[in-house]
Amino acid sequence: MRSITLTLAIGAATLLVQAFGKSDTDPCTFFAKSEIESAFGLPFGPPKLGSNKIASPICMFSNPNTGTIGIRAGEAKTRAQFDSLRTAIGEHAEPVSGVGQTAFFWGSRLYVLNNGRELVVSMSGELTPQWRAALIKLGKLGAPRLRP
């Protein structure tokens, strides 16, 4: 069942990207390194731009002891498209209130929609309550930066 849900979610994400294209927002300047460090209370290395085949570029901030934080920002999304991904994910999507217009967790990824733009803040590793709070802090900080 989990593999079916994952396949559906990846398929939905691919369709959404094909429909709206990629973002021109630079994910490595969306948050300052100091903002990432403040949210997590840890030092991180400099931002490194990665590539993503099905979505906009992702910026990675790494800490050798705790893992990597990923930032993807600015893709155009309608509320219906954002909600369709959440629906495809099903019970694994956990709603988050007070962040942007709407937001949810899927594993260790926080998806935020605000002003018709999407922000995804992710982390490698287990989502502890401390890391969950840090991702939410970044979501709240980043949501107003998403411009139509």
Protein backbone atom coordinates (compact mmCIF):
# COMPACT_ATOMS: atom_id res chain seq x y z
CA MET A 1 0.00 0.00 0.00
CA ARG A 2 2.82 2.40 0.88
CA SER A 3 4.49 1.90 -2.50
CA ILE A 4 1.20 2.62 -4.28
CA THR A 5 0.77 5.83 -2.28
CA LEU A 6 4.34 6.88 -3.01
CA THR A 7 3.93 6.11 -6.72
CA LEU A 8 0.74 8.17 -6.84
CA ALA A 9 2.38 11.09 -5.04
CA ILE A 10 5.41 11.08 -7.34
CA GLY A 11 3.12 10.90 -10.36
CA ALA A 12 1.05 13.81 -9.05
CA ALA A 13 4.17 15.87 -8.37
CA THR A 14 5.48 15.19 -11.87
CA LEU A 15 2.18 16.27 -13.46
CA LEU A 16 2.12 19.45 -11.40
CA VAL A 17 5.65 20.40 -12.43
CA GLN A 18 4.91 19.67 -16.08
CA ALA A 19 1.79 21.86 -15.89
CA PHE A 20 3.45 24.87 -14.28
CA GLY A 21 7.18 24.59 -14.93
CA LYS A 22 10.00 25.36 -12.59
CA SER A 23 10.68 28.31 -10.34
CA ASP A 24 13.08 31.13 -11.10
CA THR A 25 13.58 31.72 -7.36
CA ASP A 26 17.13 30.97 -6.19
CA PRO A 27 16.71 28.45 -3.37
CA CYS A 28 20.23 29.20 -2.08
CA THR A 29 19.38 32.83 -1.33
CA PHE A 30 15.77 32.29 -0.20
CA PHE A 31 17.03 31.85 3.39
CA ALA A 32 20.31 33.18 4.72
CA LYS A 33 22.61 30.51 6.14
CA SER A 34 22.27 32.27 9.51
CA GLU A 35 18.48 31.80 9.38
CA ILE A 36 18.88 28.06 8.81
CA GLU A 37 21.37 27.88 11.69
CA SER A 38 19.12 29.92 13.97
CA ALA A 39 16.10 27.69 13.28
CA PHE A 40 18.02 24.47 13.98
CA GLY A 41 20.44 25.80 16.58
CA LEU A 42 23.33 24.20 14.71
CA PRO A 43 26.09 25.26 12.31
CA PHE A 44 25.67 24.32 8.66
CA GLY A 45 28.03 24.40 5.71
CA PRO A 46 27.63 26.84 2.83
CA PRO A 47 24.65 26.40 0.50
CA LYS A 48 25.11 24.02 -2.42
CA LEU A 49 22.79 24.07 -5.40
CA GLY A 50 21.61 20.64 -6.45
CA SER A 51 19.48 19.56 -9.37
CA ASN A 52 16.12 17.93 -9.26
CA LYS A 53 14.77 16.16 -12.35
CA ILE A 54 11.06 16.58 -11.55
CA ALA A 55 10.97 19.91 -9.74
CA SER A 56 12.77 23.20 -9.29
CA PRO A 57 16.39 23.30 -8.12
CA ILE A 58 17.05 22.48 -4.51
CA CYS A 59 19.58 24.12 -2.22
CA MET A 60 21.27 21.99 0.41
CA PHE A 61 22.81 23.06 3.71
CA SER A 62 24.77 20.23 5.35
CA ASN A 63 25.87 19.42 8.86
CA PRO A 64 28.10 16.32 9.13
CA ASN A 65 26.49 15.29 12.43
CA THR A 66 22.80 15.93 11.80
CA GLY A 67 22.27 15.74 8.05
CA THR A 68 21.15 17.99 5.24
CA ILE A 69 18.46 20.66 4.99
CA GLY A 70 16.91 21.11 1.54
CA ILE A 71 15.14 24.24 0.28
CA ARG A 72 12.98 24.44 -2.85
CA ALA A 73 11.05 27.69 -3.30
CA GLY A 74 8.82 29.63 -5.63
CA GLU A 75 7.10 27.14 -7.93
CA ALA A 76 3.74 28.45 -9.10
CA LYS A 77 0.89 26.33 -7.70
CA THR A 78 -2.83 26.81 -7.41
CA ARG A 79 -4.57 25.78 -4.22
CA ALA A 80 -6.25 22.95 -6.13
CA GLN A 81 -2.89 21.62 -7.37
CA PHE A 82 -1.35 21.85 -3.91
CA ASP A 83 -4.34 20.07 -2.38
CA SER A 84 -4.25 17.36 -5.06
CA LEU A 85 -0.72 16.42 -4.02
CA ARG A 86 -1.84 16.29 -0.38
CA THR A 87 -4.79 14.09 -1.41
CA ALA A 88 -2.53 11.78 -3.42
CA ILE A 89 -0.25 11.38 -0.40
CA GLY A 90 -3.29 10.48 1.69
CA GLU A 91 -2.99 9.68 5.37
CA HIS A 92 0.76 10.32 5.29
CA ALA A 93 0.12 14.06 4.76
CA GLU A 94 -0.13 15.79 8.14
CA PRO A 95 -1.79 19.25 8.07
CA VAL A 96 0.12 22.12 9.70
CA SER A 97 -1.78 25.21 10.80
CA GLY A 98 -0.44 28.75 11.01
CA VAL A 99 2.06 28.42 8.17
CA GLY A 100 1.26 30.24 4.91
CA GLN A 101 -2.20 29.80 3.40
CA THR A 102 -1.95 26.05 3.87
CA ALA A 103 0.81 23.61 4.76
CA PHE A 104 1.45 19.95 5.49
CA PHE A 105 4.21 17.55 6.46
CA TRP A 106 4.99 14.50 4.38
CA GLY A 107 7.64 12.61 6.29
CA SER A 108 10.50 15.01 6.93
CA ARG A 109 9.34 17.52 4.30
CA LEU A 110 7.24 20.60 5.01
CA TYR A 111 5.15 21.81 2.05
CA VAL A 112 3.88 25.41 2.27
CA LEU A 113 1.59 27.28 -0.13
CA ASN A 114 1.35 31.08 -0.01
CA ASN A 115 0.42 33.63 -2.70
CA GLY A 116 0.21 30.91 -5.35
CA ARG A 117 3.80 29.76 -4.71
CA GLU A 118 5.19 26.68 -3.01
CA LEU A 119 7.99 26.30 -0.49
CA VAL A 120 9.37 22.88 0.43
CA VAL A 121 11.75 22.63 3.36
CA SER A 122 13.13 19.14 3.96
CA MET A 123 15.69 17.40 6.09
CA SER A 124 17.47 14.10 5.94
CA GLY A 125 16.96 11.78 8.84
CA GLU A 126 14.24 11.25 11.40
CA LEU A 127 11.77 14.04 12.09
CA THR A 128 12.11 14.63 15.83
CA PRO A 129 9.93 17.20 17.64
CA GLN A 130 12.93 19.57 17.71
CA TRP A 131 13.52 19.31 13.94
CA ARG A 132 9.78 19.54 13.26
CA ALA A 133 9.69 22.85 15.17
CA ALA A 134 12.70 24.09 13.19
CA LEU A 135 11.05 23.26 9.86
CA ILE A 136 7.87 25.04 10.95
CA LYS A 137 9.92 28.07 11.99
CA LEU A 138 11.46 28.21 8.51
CA GLY A 139 8.03 27.72 6.93
CA LYS A 140 6.65 30.68 8.87
CA LEU A 141 9.68 32.78 7.96
CA GLY A 142 9.58 31.84 4.29
CA ALA A 143 5.84 31.97 3.56
CA PRO A 144 5.62 35.79 3.36
CA ARG A 145 8.61 35.79 0.97
CA LEU A 146 6.64 33.80 -1.59
CA ARG A 147 5.42 36.43 -4.06
CA PRO A 148 2.75 35.98 -6.73
